[in-house]
Amino acid sequence: MQTHELSLRAPDAEHEAVLTLPDERGLFPAIMLIHGGGCTDVDCSVGPNAFPWSKHLAERLAEQGIAFLRYHRAPSDSLDGDLQAAEAGWHALTSHPAIDKQRCVILGHSEGSWQATLFVSKVRQNPEWIQPGLIIETGIFGGELMATLEAVFRAVDEPLLRIAESQQSVHPDALAQYAEAWHLELNELVDDKREVSTLKLRKYRQSVLDEIQDMLPGNKRFRSWLGVPTNAEAILDIADLPIALIVGGRDQETPPQQAQMVFSALENGRPDHTATLHSLPDHNHYLTRLSDDPLDTGFGPISDQSIALIVRLVHAH
C-alpha cells in the first residue's frame, strides 16, 4: 500500500493527515475518518500500549481496495473548529486523482459520529462540494453533553457496576476535573448489598448537573456544544442519505443505548429513512472482539467481522 502525509489547512489551524491508498492503480472508493474526542495523534493511538487504531484500520481497508484518509484535529476551542478540520480533510480526499468521487464515504467514530452528522448537513448546504455516498457511524455518540449526562442517570435503580459502566458515556474531557470525586461519591452510595440507594443517587444526580452547568461557562469548547442539535436530532436532516450505524454490543464508552437512541429518532421522525443498524456482539468501542477474560482491555486489532462489514457497506453504495 501507499501512504501520503498531508497537511490540512483550515482557517484557524493546520491538521496532520495521512492518506493510505491500495497498491494497485485505478480509482478507489474512499473513507474519511472523523475521529473521537480521545484521539491524541494521527494514528489515534489508544490504550496502555498505544495501539495505532486508525492506522490499523486504514491498512486493513487498503488491503481490500479502499483508500482511507485519517487526520488529527489540532486543539480547538469550538465545534466550528472541529468541523473546519473535517471540511479541509474532505476537500483533500475528494480532490485526489486516485479517488473515485462517486464512492466517497464519511466514517464518524465516537464523538466524531455526532460531528459526522453535523458535517454532512454542512456538505448538503454546499451542492458544489462532492457529496458523500454513505455515512458510517461507530461508537455512536447519541447527543451533546447534557444529554449524555442524562443517559447516566437512567440507570438509577441498577447495580453500581452498571452505573459505573454507563458513566463512561459522559465525555471524559468534560468530567476530567470531577473524575476522582465521581468515583468516591458512587462508592459512598453503595449499601450492604452492593446496590445503590435510589434516593441518594437522585440527590447526587442533581449535584453533578449543577457542577457541570457551573463549569461549562469556563470551557469554550464545551460551551460551543450547547444549543447544537444532538446526533439524534441532527440526523433527521440527512435521513434521505444512506446511513449505517455500527454498534459494539460491549461498548462501555458510548453504550449501545446511545445508538438505539439515534436509530429510534429516525424510526419515529423519518419513517422514510434508509438507515441500517448493525450490531456486533462481544465488540467494544473500537470494533475489537472481546474475549471472556475479564482483564481483556480490548485495545487491539479490529476484528475481521468489523472489517468485512465496513467493506460490504462501502461496496454496496
C-alpha atoms as a PDB file:
ATOM      1  CA  MET A   1       0.000   0.000   0.000  1.00  0.00           C
ATOM      2  CA  GLN A   2       0.983   3.639  -0.387  1.00  0.00           C
ATOM      3  CA  THR A   3       0.920   6.286   2.317  1.00  0.00           C
ATOM      4  CA  HIS A   4       0.964  10.026   1.741  1.00  0.00           C
ATOM      5  CA  GLU A   5       1.442  12.528   4.566  1.00  0.00           C
ATOM      6  CA  LEU A   6      -0.671  15.638   4.150  1.00  0.00           C
ATOM      7  CA  SER A   7      -1.152  18.945   5.909  1.00  0.00           C
ATOM      8  CA  LEU A   8      -4.762  20.110   6.016  1.00  0.00           C
ATOM      9  CA  ARG A   9      -5.107  23.885   6.145  1.00  0.00           C
ATOM     10  CA  ALA A  10      -8.188  25.230   7.879  1.00  0.00           C
ATOM     11  CA  PRO A  11      -8.939  28.888   8.712  1.00  0.00           C
ATOM     12  CA  ASP A  12      -7.733  28.623  12.312  1.00  0.00           C
ATOM     13  CA  ALA A  13      -5.313  25.690  12.323  1.00  0.00           C
ATOM     14  CA  GLU A  14      -3.256  23.183  10.383  1.00  0.00           C
ATOM     15  CA  HIS A  15      -4.020  19.479  10.824  1.00  0.00           C
ATOM     16  CA  GLU A  16      -1.727  16.493  10.300  1.00  0.00           C
ATOM     17  CA  ALA A  17      -3.192  13.849   7.969  1.00  0.00           C
ATOM     18  CA  VAL A  18      -2.275  10.585   6.231  1.00  0.00           C
ATOM     19  CA  LEU A  19      -3.872   9.199   3.069  1.00  0.00           C
ATOM     20  CA  THR A  20      -3.472   5.434   2.621  1.00  0.00           C
ATOM     21  CA  LEU A  21      -4.001   4.027  -0.888  1.00  0.00           C
ATOM     22  CA  PRO A  22      -4.115   0.448  -2.160  1.00  0.00           C
ATOM     23  CA  ASP A  23      -1.093  -0.762  -4.144  1.00  0.00           C
ATOM     24  CA  GLU A  24      -2.839  -1.249  -7.460  1.00  0.00           C
ATOM     25  CA  ARG A  25      -3.627   1.504  -9.940  1.00  0.00           C
ATOM     26  CA  GLY A  26      -7.080   2.885 -10.588  1.00  0.00           C
ATOM     27  CA  LEU A  27      -9.828   4.886  -8.947  1.00  0.00           C
ATOM     28  CA  PHE A  28     -10.619   3.757  -5.430  1.00  0.00           C
ATOM     29  CA  PRO A  29     -13.609   4.101  -3.162  1.00  0.00           C
ATOM     30  CA  ALA A  30     -12.505   6.096  -0.152  1.00  0.00           C
ATOM     31  CA  ILE A  31     -13.299   6.734   3.502  1.00  0.00           C
ATOM     32  CA  MET A  32     -12.558   9.827   5.566  1.00  0.00           C
ATOM     33  CA  LEU A  33     -12.445   9.252   9.325  1.00  0.00           C
ATOM     34  CA  ILE A  34     -13.731  11.887  11.727  1.00  0.00           C
ATOM     35  CA  HIS A  35     -12.174  10.682  14.961  1.00  0.00           C
ATOM     36  CA  GLY A  36     -13.413  10.855  18.527  1.00  0.00           C
ATOM     37  CA  GLY A  37     -12.517  13.203  21.342  1.00  0.00           C
ATOM     38  CA  GLY A  38      -9.856  10.970  22.890  1.00  0.00           C
ATOM     39  CA  CYS A  39      -7.605  10.838  19.819  1.00  0.00           C
ATOM     40  CA  THR A  40      -4.173  12.329  20.576  1.00  0.00           C
ATOM     41  CA  ASP A  41      -2.276  11.706  17.317  1.00  0.00           C
ATOM     42  CA  VAL A  42      -2.854  10.971  13.647  1.00  0.00           C
ATOM     43  CA  ASP A  43      -2.855   7.204  14.334  1.00  0.00           C
ATOM     44  CA  CYS A  44      -5.495   7.542  17.094  1.00  0.00           C
ATOM     45  CA  SER A  45      -3.270   5.540  19.440  1.00  0.00           C
ATOM     46  CA  VAL A  46      -5.343   4.014  22.247  1.00  0.00           C
ATOM     47  CA  GLY A  47      -4.781   2.040  25.424  1.00  0.00           C
ATOM     48  CA  PRO A  48      -1.742   1.478  27.631  1.00  0.00           C
ATOM     49  CA  ASN A  49       0.275   0.113  24.692  1.00  0.00           C
ATOM     50  CA  ALA A  50      -0.722   2.978  22.362  1.00  0.00           C
ATOM     51  CA  PHE A  51      -2.281   0.686  19.752  1.00  0.00           C
ATOM     52  CA  PRO A  52      -2.439   2.708  16.462  1.00  0.00           C
ATOM     53  CA  TRP A  53      -6.172   2.208  15.919  1.00  0.00           C
ATOM     54  CA  SER A  54      -6.856   4.380  12.862  1.00  0.00           C
ATOM     55  CA  LYS A  55      -3.571   3.389  11.182  1.00  0.00           C
ATOM     56  CA  HIS A  56      -4.527  -0.270  11.615  1.00  0.00           C
ATOM     57  CA  LEU A  57      -7.999   0.426  10.192  1.00  0.00           C
ATOM     58  CA  ALA A  58      -6.534   2.286   7.205  1.00  0.00           C
ATOM     59  CA  GLU A  59      -4.121  -0.536   6.371  1.00  0.00           C
ATOM     60  CA  ARG A  60      -6.762  -3.253   6.704  1.00  0.00           C
ATOM     61  CA  LEU A  61      -9.117  -1.401   4.367  1.00  0.00           C
ATOM     62  CA  ALA A  62      -6.363  -0.597   1.855  1.00  0.00           C
ATOM     63  CA  GLU A  63      -5.775  -4.353   1.592  1.00  0.00           C
ATOM     64  CA  GLN A  64      -9.420  -4.556   0.487  1.00  0.00           C
ATOM     65  CA  GLY A  65      -9.016  -1.871  -2.184  1.00  0.00           C
ATOM     66  CA  ILE A  66     -10.392   1.072  -0.172  1.00  0.00           C
ATOM     67  CA  ALA A  67      -8.475   4.331   0.279  1.00  0.00           C
ATOM     68  CA  PHE A  68      -8.533   5.909   3.736  1.00  0.00           C
ATOM     69  CA  LEU A  69      -7.878   9.438   4.990  1.00  0.00           C
ATOM     70  CA  ARG A  70      -7.213   9.939   8.681  1.00  0.00           C
ATOM     71  CA  TYR A  71      -6.269  13.187  10.347  1.00  0.00           C
ATOM     72  CA  HIS A  72      -5.674  14.563  13.802  1.00  0.00           C
ATOM     73  CA  ARG A  73      -7.667  17.632  14.737  1.00  0.00           C
ATOM     74  CA  ALA A  74      -5.469  20.338  16.164  1.00  0.00           C
ATOM     75  CA  PRO A  75      -6.780  21.546  19.547  1.00  0.00           C
ATOM     76  CA  SER A  76      -9.823  23.746  19.069  1.00  0.00           C
ATOM     77  CA  ASP A  77     -11.915  25.882  21.374  1.00  0.00           C
ATOM     78  CA  SER A  78     -15.077  25.334  19.351  1.00  0.00           C
ATOM     79  CA  LEU A  79     -17.172  22.862  17.466  1.00  0.00           C
ATOM     80  CA  ASP A  80     -16.789  25.108  14.407  1.00  0.00           C
ATOM     81  CA  GLY A  81     -13.033  24.484  14.524  1.00  0.00           C
ATOM     82  CA  ASP A  82     -13.607  20.732  14.568  1.00  0.00           C
ATOM     83  CA  LEU A  83     -15.936  20.941  11.561  1.00  0.00           C
ATOM     84  CA  GLN A  84     -13.442  23.116   9.688  1.00  0.00           C
ATOM     85  CA  ALA A  85     -10.894  20.317  10.071  1.00  0.00           C
ATOM     86  CA  ALA A  86     -13.388  17.872   8.566  1.00  0.00           C
ATOM     87  CA  GLU A  87     -14.026  20.257   5.682  1.00  0.00           C
ATOM     88  CA  ALA A  88     -10.297  20.523   4.919  1.00  0.00           C
ATOM     89  CA  GLY A  89      -9.965  16.737   5.014  1.00  0.00           C
ATOM     90  CA  TRP A  90     -12.981  16.186   2.776  1.00  0.00           C
ATOM     91  CA  HIS A  91     -11.720  18.568   0.102  1.00  0.00           C
ATOM     92  CA  ALA A  92      -8.254  16.968   0.213  1.00  0.00           C
ATOM     93  CA  LEU A  93      -9.720  13.484  -0.190  1.00  0.00           C
ATOM     94  CA  THR A  94     -12.269  14.241  -2.897  1.00  0.00           C
ATOM     95  CA  SER A  95      -9.793  16.227  -4.995  1.00  0.00           C
ATOM     96  CA  HIS A  96      -7.146  13.473  -5.050  1.00  0.00           C
ATOM     97  CA  PRO A  97      -6.721  11.960  -8.552  1.00  0.00           C
ATOM     98  CA  ALA A  98      -6.766   8.371  -7.266  1.00  0.00           C
ATOM     99  CA  ILE A  99     -10.167   8.717  -5.579  1.00  0.00           C
ATOM    100  CA  ASP A 100     -13.497   7.766  -7.141  1.00  0.00           C
ATOM    101  CA  LYS A 101     -15.569  10.845  -6.337  1.00  0.00           C
ATOM    102  CA  GLN A 102     -18.787   8.874  -6.676  1.00  0.00           C
ATOM    103  CA  ARG A 103     -17.820   6.469  -3.889  1.00  0.00           C
ATOM    104  CA  CYS A 104     -16.617   8.653  -1.026  1.00  0.00           C
ATOM    105  CA  VAL A 105     -17.708   7.748   2.492  1.00  0.00           C
ATOM    106  CA  ILE A 106     -17.623   9.624   5.801  1.00  0.00           C
ATOM    107  CA  LEU A 107     -16.891   7.480   8.861  1.00  0.00           C
ATOM    108  CA  GLY A 108     -17.520   9.073  12.250  1.00  0.00           C
ATOM    109  CA  HIS A 109     -16.290   7.382  15.407  1.00  0.00           C
ATOM    110  CA  SER A 110     -17.391   8.175  18.987  1.00  0.00           C
ATOM    111  CA  GLU A 111     -17.730  11.969  19.355  1.00  0.00           C
ATOM    112  CA  GLY A 112     -16.808  12.023  15.668  1.00  0.00           C
ATOM    113  CA  SER A 113     -20.079  10.244  14.842  1.00  0.00           C
ATOM    114  CA  TRP A 114     -22.007  13.309  16.017  1.00  0.00           C
ATOM    115  CA  GLN A 115     -19.585  15.582  14.175  1.00  0.00           C
ATOM    116  CA  ALA A 116     -20.021  13.450  11.044  1.00  0.00           C
ATOM    117  CA  THR A 117     -23.779  14.046  11.139  1.00  0.00           C
ATOM    118  CA  LEU A 118     -23.278  17.795  11.575  1.00  0.00           C
ATOM    119  CA  PHE A 119     -20.609  17.909   8.862  1.00  0.00           C
ATOM    120  CA  VAL A 120     -22.763  16.049   6.325  1.00  0.00           C
ATOM    121  CA  SER A 121     -25.511  18.603   6.952  1.00  0.00           C
ATOM    122  CA  LYS A 122     -22.966  21.275   6.069  1.00  0.00           C
ATOM    123  CA  VAL A 123     -21.935  19.404   2.916  1.00  0.00           C
ATOM    124  CA  ARG A 124     -25.580  19.242   1.869  1.00  0.00           C
ATOM    125  CA  GLN A 125     -25.765  23.033   2.108  1.00  0.00           C
ATOM    126  CA  ASN A 126     -22.913  23.289  -0.421  1.00  0.00           C
ATOM    127  CA  PRO A 127     -24.044  21.370  -3.516  1.00  0.00           C
ATOM    128  CA  GLU A 128     -20.828  22.274  -5.344  1.00  0.00           C
ATOM    129  CA  TRP A 129     -18.901  20.054  -2.901  1.00  0.00           C
ATOM    130  CA  ILE A 130     -18.581  16.328  -3.556  1.00  0.00           C
ATOM    131  CA  GLN A 131     -21.476  14.670  -1.745  1.00  0.00           C
ATOM    132  CA  PRO A 132     -20.892  11.521   0.340  1.00  0.00           C
ATOM    133  CA  GLY A 133     -22.325   8.274  -0.948  1.00  0.00           C
ATOM    134  CA  LEU A 134     -22.590   6.800   2.543  1.00  0.00           C
ATOM    135  CA  ILE A 135     -22.267   7.805   6.178  1.00  0.00           C
ATOM    136  CA  ILE A 136     -20.998   5.190   8.653  1.00  0.00           C
ATOM    137  CA  GLU A 137     -21.124   5.871  12.379  1.00  0.00           C
ATOM    138  CA  THR A 138     -19.475   3.709  15.059  1.00  0.00           C
ATOM    139  CA  GLY A 139     -19.084   4.059  18.829  1.00  0.00           C
ATOM    140  CA  ILE A 140     -22.125   6.253  18.422  1.00  0.00           C
ATOM    141  CA  PHE A 141     -22.330   9.468  20.405  1.00  0.00           C
ATOM    142  CA  GLY A 142     -26.031   9.995  20.985  1.00  0.00           C
ATOM    143  CA  GLY A 143     -26.126  13.624  21.956  1.00  0.00           C
ATOM    144  CA  GLU A 144     -24.441  16.655  23.402  1.00  0.00           C
ATOM    145  CA  LEU A 145     -23.068  16.938  26.893  1.00  0.00           C
ATOM    146  CA  MET A 146     -26.219  17.288  28.955  1.00  0.00           C
ATOM    147  CA  ALA A 147     -27.975  14.525  27.012  1.00  0.00           C
ATOM    148  CA  THR A 148     -25.136  12.101  27.721  1.00  0.00           C
ATOM    149  CA  LEU A 149     -25.306  13.031  31.383  1.00  0.00           C
ATOM    150  CA  GLU A 150     -28.976  12.134  31.348  1.00  0.00           C
ATOM    151  CA  ALA A 151     -28.072   8.690  29.982  1.00  0.00           C
ATOM    152  CA  VAL A 152     -26.048   8.063  33.138  1.00  0.00           C
ATOM    153  CA  PHE A 153     -28.941   8.621  35.451  1.00  0.00           C
ATOM    154  CA  ARG A 154     -31.384   6.437  33.556  1.00  0.00           C
ATOM    155  CA  ALA A 155     -29.579   3.623  35.348  1.00  0.00           C
ATOM    156  CA  VAL A 156     -30.764   4.962  38.703  1.00  0.00           C
ATOM    157  CA  ASP A 157     -32.185   1.662  40.008  1.00  0.00           C
ATOM    158  CA  GLU A 158     -29.432  -0.599  38.698  1.00  0.00           C
ATOM    159  CA  PRO A 159     -26.389  -2.064  40.491  1.00  0.00           C
ATOM    160  CA  LEU A 160     -23.252   0.019  40.915  1.00  0.00           C
ATOM    161  CA  LEU A 161     -21.384  -1.804  38.170  1.00  0.00           C
ATOM    162  CA  ARG A 162     -23.962  -0.866  35.544  1.00  0.00           C
ATOM    163  CA  ILE A 163     -23.902   2.751  36.665  1.00  0.00           C
ATOM    164  CA  ALA A 164     -20.100   2.810  36.612  1.00  0.00           C
ATOM    165  CA  GLU A 165     -20.179   1.453  33.052  1.00  0.00           C
ATOM    166  CA  SER A 166     -22.844   3.912  31.952  1.00  0.00           C
ATOM    167  CA  GLN A 167     -20.969   6.917  33.315  1.00  0.00           C
ATOM    168  CA  GLN A 168     -18.270   6.316  30.734  1.00  0.00           C
ATOM    169  CA  SER A 169     -20.739   7.599  28.150  1.00  0.00           C
ATOM    170  CA  VAL A 170     -20.203  11.058  29.598  1.00  0.00           C
ATOM    171  CA  HIS A 171     -17.496  12.804  27.620  1.00  0.00           C
ATOM    172  CA  PRO A 172     -14.288  12.221  29.649  1.00  0.00           C
ATOM    173  CA  ASP A 173     -12.842  15.668  28.949  1.00  0.00           C
ATOM    174  CA  ALA A 174     -15.944  17.321  30.360  1.00  0.00           C
ATOM    175  CA  LEU A 175     -15.685  15.440  33.632  1.00  0.00           C
ATOM    176  CA  ALA A 176     -11.895  15.248  33.984  1.00  0.00           C
ATOM    177  CA  GLN A 177     -11.681  17.553  36.979  1.00  0.00           C
ATOM    178  CA  TYR A 178     -14.524  15.690  38.705  1.00  0.00           C
ATOM    179  CA  ALA A 179     -13.440  12.132  37.895  1.00  0.00           C
ATOM    180  CA  GLU A 180     -11.940  11.346  41.288  1.00  0.00           C
ATOM    181  CA  ALA A 181     -14.861  12.845  43.181  1.00  0.00           C
ATOM    182  CA  TRP A 182     -17.282  10.961  40.890  1.00  0.00           C
ATOM    183  CA  HIS A 183     -15.899   7.559  41.842  1.00  0.00           C
ATOM    184  CA  LEU A 184     -15.651   8.422  45.524  1.00  0.00           C
ATOM    185  CA  GLU A 185     -19.232   9.606  45.583  1.00  0.00           C
ATOM    186  CA  LEU A 186     -20.532   6.495  43.845  1.00  0.00           C
ATOM    187  CA  ASN A 187     -18.720   4.272  46.301  1.00  0.00           C
ATOM    188  CA  GLU A 188     -20.288   6.157  49.176  1.00  0.00           C
ATOM    189  CA  LEU A 189     -23.740   5.449  47.740  1.00  0.00           C
ATOM    190  CA  VAL A 190     -23.371   1.664  47.878  1.00  0.00           C
ATOM    191  CA  ASP A 191     -25.338  -0.179  50.547  1.00  0.00           C
ATOM    192  CA  ASP A 192     -24.546  -3.536  52.189  1.00  0.00           C
ATOM    193  CA  LYS A 193     -25.965  -5.392  49.178  1.00  0.00           C
ATOM    194  CA  ARG A 194     -23.601  -3.565  46.827  1.00  0.00           C
ATOM    195  CA  GLU A 195     -26.545  -1.734  45.341  1.00  0.00           C
ATOM    196  CA  VAL A 196     -27.065   1.983  45.023  1.00  0.00           C
ATOM    197  CA  SER A 197     -29.571   3.895  47.103  1.00  0.00           C
ATOM    198  CA  THR A 198     -32.065   5.383  44.640  1.00  0.00           C
ATOM    199  CA  LEU A 199     -32.831   8.371  46.846  1.00  0.00           C
ATOM    200  CA  LYS A 200     -29.160   9.232  47.428  1.00  0.00           C
ATOM    201  CA  LEU A 201     -28.337   8.813  43.756  1.00  0.00           C
ATOM    202  CA  ARG A 202     -31.117  11.136  42.707  1.00  0.00           C
ATOM    203  CA  LYS A 203     -29.727  13.793  45.029  1.00  0.00           C
ATOM    204  CA  TYR A 204     -26.246  13.159  43.664  1.00  0.00           C
ATOM    205  CA  ARG A 205     -27.595  13.422  40.134  1.00  0.00           C
ATOM    206  CA  GLN A 206     -28.719  16.974  40.761  1.00  0.00           C
ATOM    207  CA  SER A 207     -25.446  17.956  42.417  1.00  0.00           C
ATOM    208  CA  VAL A 208     -23.434  16.680  39.426  1.00  0.00           C
ATOM    209  CA  LEU A 209     -25.670  18.501  36.955  1.00  0.00           C
ATOM    210  CA  ASP A 210     -25.254  21.698  38.982  1.00  0.00           C
ATOM    211  CA  GLU A 211     -21.456  21.317  38.937  1.00  0.00           C
ATOM    212  CA  ILE A 212     -21.366  20.687  35.193  1.00  0.00           C
ATOM    213  CA  GLN A 213     -23.580  23.676  34.490  1.00  0.00           C
ATOM    214  CA  ASP A 214     -21.237  25.827  36.582  1.00  0.00           C
ATOM    215  CA  MET A 215     -18.200  24.500  34.727  1.00  0.00           C
ATOM    216  CA  LEU A 216     -19.462  24.991  31.177  1.00  0.00           C
ATOM    217  CA  PRO A 217     -19.190  28.802  31.020  1.00  0.00           C
ATOM    218  CA  GLY A 218     -15.447  28.487  31.631  1.00  0.00           C
ATOM    219  CA  ASN A 219     -14.877  25.830  28.963  1.00  0.00           C
ATOM    220  CA  LYS A 220     -15.032  27.369  25.492  1.00  0.00           C
ATOM    221  CA  ARG A 221     -15.126  24.089  23.608  1.00  0.00           C
ATOM    222  CA  PHE A 222     -17.981  22.508  25.519  1.00  0.00           C
ATOM    223  CA  ARG A 223     -19.819  25.790  25.750  1.00  0.00           C
ATOM    224  CA  SER A 224     -19.868  25.722  21.929  1.00  0.00           C
ATOM    225  CA  TRP A 225     -21.819  22.451  22.134  1.00  0.00           C
ATOM    226  CA  LEU A 226     -24.770  23.973  23.961  1.00  0.00           C
ATOM    227  CA  GLY A 227     -27.724  24.677  21.721  1.00  0.00           C
ATOM    228  CA  VAL A 228     -26.336  22.475  18.914  1.00  0.00           C
ATOM    229  CA  PRO A 229     -28.721  19.685  17.863  1.00  0.00           C
ATOM    230  CA  THR A 230     -27.875  16.287  19.313  1.00  0.00           C
ATOM    231  CA  ASN A 231     -26.991  13.448  16.958  1.00  0.00           C
ATOM    232  CA  ALA A 232     -30.500  12.057  17.387  1.00  0.00           C
ATOM    233  CA  GLU A 233     -31.921  15.413  16.283  1.00  0.00           C
ATOM    234  CA  ALA A 234     -29.441  16.392  13.563  1.00  0.00           C
ATOM    235  CA  ILE A 235     -29.538  13.027  11.814  1.00  0.00           C
ATOM    236  CA  LEU A 236     -33.157  13.648  10.790  1.00  0.00           C
ATOM    237  CA  ASP A 237     -31.919  16.293   8.322  1.00  0.00           C
ATOM    238  CA  ILE A 238     -29.783  13.788   6.417  1.00  0.00           C
ATOM    239  CA  ALA A 239     -32.086  10.761   6.727  1.00  0.00           C
ATOM    240  CA  ASP A 240     -32.559  10.545   2.957  1.00  0.00           C
ATOM    241  CA  LEU A 241     -28.883   9.561   2.607  1.00  0.00           C
ATOM    242  CA  PRO A 242     -27.570   6.016   3.155  1.00  0.00           C
ATOM    243  CA  ILE A 243     -26.538   5.775   6.826  1.00  0.00           C
ATOM    244  CA  ALA A 244     -25.089   2.739   8.588  1.00  0.00           C
ATOM    245  CA  LEU A 245     -24.898   2.644  12.386  1.00  0.00           C
ATOM    246  CA  ILE A 246     -22.433   0.061  13.751  1.00  0.00           C
ATOM    247  CA  VAL A 247     -22.821  -0.862  17.405  1.00  0.00           C
ATOM    248  CA  GLY A 248     -20.429  -2.783  19.635  1.00  0.00           C
ATOM    249  CA  GLY A 249     -22.529  -4.881  21.989  1.00  0.00           C
ATOM    250  CA  ARG A 250     -19.986  -4.431  24.788  1.00  0.00           C
ATOM    251  CA  ASP A 251     -19.151  -0.781  24.180  1.00  0.00           C
ATOM    252  CA  GLN A 252     -18.696   0.780  27.621  1.00  0.00           C
ATOM    253  CA  GLU A 253     -17.632   4.232  26.429  1.00  0.00           C
ATOM    254  CA  THR A 254     -20.731   5.063  24.413  1.00  0.00           C
ATOM    255  CA  PRO A 255     -23.134   2.284  25.400  1.00  0.00           C
ATOM    256  CA  PRO A 256     -25.354   0.671  22.728  1.00  0.00           C
ATOM    257  CA  GLN A 257     -28.366   2.548  24.080  1.00  0.00           C
ATOM    258  CA  GLN A 258     -26.994   5.716  22.500  1.00  0.00           C
ATOM    259  CA  ALA A 259     -27.035   4.137  19.035  1.00  0.00           C
ATOM    260  CA  GLN A 260     -30.548   2.913  19.690  1.00  0.00           C
ATOM    261  CA  MET A 261     -31.496   6.475  20.677  1.00  0.00           C
ATOM    262  CA  VAL A 262     -30.318   7.719  17.275  1.00  0.00           C
ATOM    263  CA  PHE A 263     -31.985   4.891  15.340  1.00  0.00           C
ATOM    264  CA  SER A 264     -35.260   5.329  17.244  1.00  0.00           C
ATOM    265  CA  ALA A 265     -35.215   9.023  16.343  1.00  0.00           C
ATOM    266  CA  LEU A 266     -35.037   8.033  12.673  1.00  0.00           C
ATOM    267  CA  GLU A 267     -37.799   5.459  13.062  1.00  0.00           C
ATOM    268  CA  ASN A 268     -40.098   7.957  14.757  1.00  0.00           C
ATOM    269  CA  GLY A 269     -39.163  11.164  12.976  1.00  0.00           C
ATOM    270  CA  ARG A 270     -38.347   9.983   9.459  1.00  0.00           C
ATOM    271  CA  PRO A 271     -40.213   6.758   8.619  1.00  0.00           C
ATOM    272  CA  ASP A 272     -38.870   7.127   5.056  1.00  0.00           C
ATOM    273  CA  HIS A 273     -35.256   6.719   6.223  1.00  0.00           C
ATOM    274  CA  THR A 274     -32.961   4.063   4.738  1.00  0.00           C
ATOM    275  CA  ALA A 275     -30.550   3.817   7.680  1.00  0.00           C
ATOM    276  CA  THR A 276     -29.397   0.397   8.857  1.00  0.00           C
ATOM    277  CA  LEU A 277     -28.382  -0.699  12.359  1.00  0.00           C
ATOM    278  CA  HIS A 278     -25.637  -3.325  12.639  1.00  0.00           C
ATOM    279  CA  SER A 279     -24.871  -4.972  15.974  1.00  0.00           C
ATOM    280  CA  LEU A 280     -21.542  -6.653  16.665  1.00  0.00           C
ATOM    281  CA  PRO A 281     -21.920  -8.752  19.837  1.00  0.00           C
ATOM    282  CA  ASP A 282     -18.849  -9.006  22.072  1.00  0.00           C
ATOM    283  CA  HIS A 283     -17.275  -5.961  20.379  1.00  0.00           C
ATOM    284  CA  ASN A 284     -16.129  -2.845  22.169  1.00  0.00           C
ATOM    285  CA  HIS A 285     -15.919   0.864  21.361  1.00  0.00           C
ATOM    286  CA  TYR A 286     -13.031   0.237  18.943  1.00  0.00           C
ATOM    287  CA  LEU A 287     -14.663  -2.621  16.984  1.00  0.00           C
ATOM    288  CA  THR A 288     -12.417  -5.158  18.687  1.00  0.00           C
ATOM    289  CA  ARG A 289     -13.907  -8.508  19.654  1.00  0.00           C
ATOM    290  CA  LEU A 290     -13.508  -9.030  23.394  1.00  0.00           C
ATOM    291  CA  SER A 291     -12.585 -12.373  24.912  1.00  0.00           C
ATOM    292  CA  ASP A 292     -14.133 -13.886  28.028  1.00  0.00           C
ATOM    293  CA  ASP A 293     -11.085 -12.788  30.008  1.00  0.00           C
ATOM    294  CA  PRO A 294     -12.241 -10.023  32.403  1.00  0.00           C
ATOM    295  CA  LEU A 295      -8.762  -8.459  32.098  1.00  0.00           C
ATOM    296  CA  ASP A 296      -9.090  -8.091  28.320  1.00  0.00           C
ATOM    297  CA  THR A 297      -8.783  -4.343  27.694  1.00  0.00           C
ATOM    298  CA  GLY A 298      -9.816  -4.613  24.053  1.00  0.00           C
ATOM    299  CA  PHE A 299      -7.114  -2.203  22.892  1.00  0.00           C
ATOM    300  CA  GLY A 300      -6.029  -4.296  19.935  1.00  0.00           C
ATOM    301  CA  PRO A 301      -6.730  -5.209  16.315  1.00  0.00           C
ATOM    302  CA  ILE A 302     -10.108  -4.510  14.789  1.00  0.00           C
ATOM    303  CA  SER A 303     -11.921  -7.787  14.192  1.00  0.00           C
ATOM    304  CA  ASP A 304     -12.226  -9.432  10.785  1.00  0.00           C
ATOM    305  CA  GLN A 305     -16.004  -9.245  11.216  1.00  0.00           C
ATOM    306  CA  SER A 306     -15.859  -5.473  11.628  1.00  0.00           C
ATOM    307  CA  ILE A 307     -13.610  -5.022   8.600  1.00  0.00           C
ATOM    308  CA  ALA A 308     -15.813  -7.268   6.472  1.00  0.00           C
ATOM    309  CA  LEU A 309     -18.908  -5.265   7.454  1.00  0.00           C
ATOM    310  CA  ILE A 310     -17.318  -1.922   6.562  1.00  0.00           C
ATOM    311  CA  VAL A 311     -16.057  -3.275   3.232  1.00  0.00           C
ATOM    312  CA  ARG A 312     -19.506  -4.677   2.403  1.00  0.00           C
ATOM    313  CA  LEU A 313     -21.181  -1.377   3.251  1.00  0.00           C
ATOM    314  CA  VAL A 314     -18.766   0.636   1.112  1.00  0.00           C
ATOM    315  CA  HIS A 315     -19.101  -1.619  -1.921  1.00  0.00           C
ATOM    316  CA  ALA A 316     -22.895  -1.703  -1.585  1.00  0.00           C
ATOM    317  CA  HIS A 317     -23.019   2.036  -2.253  1.00  0.00           C
END
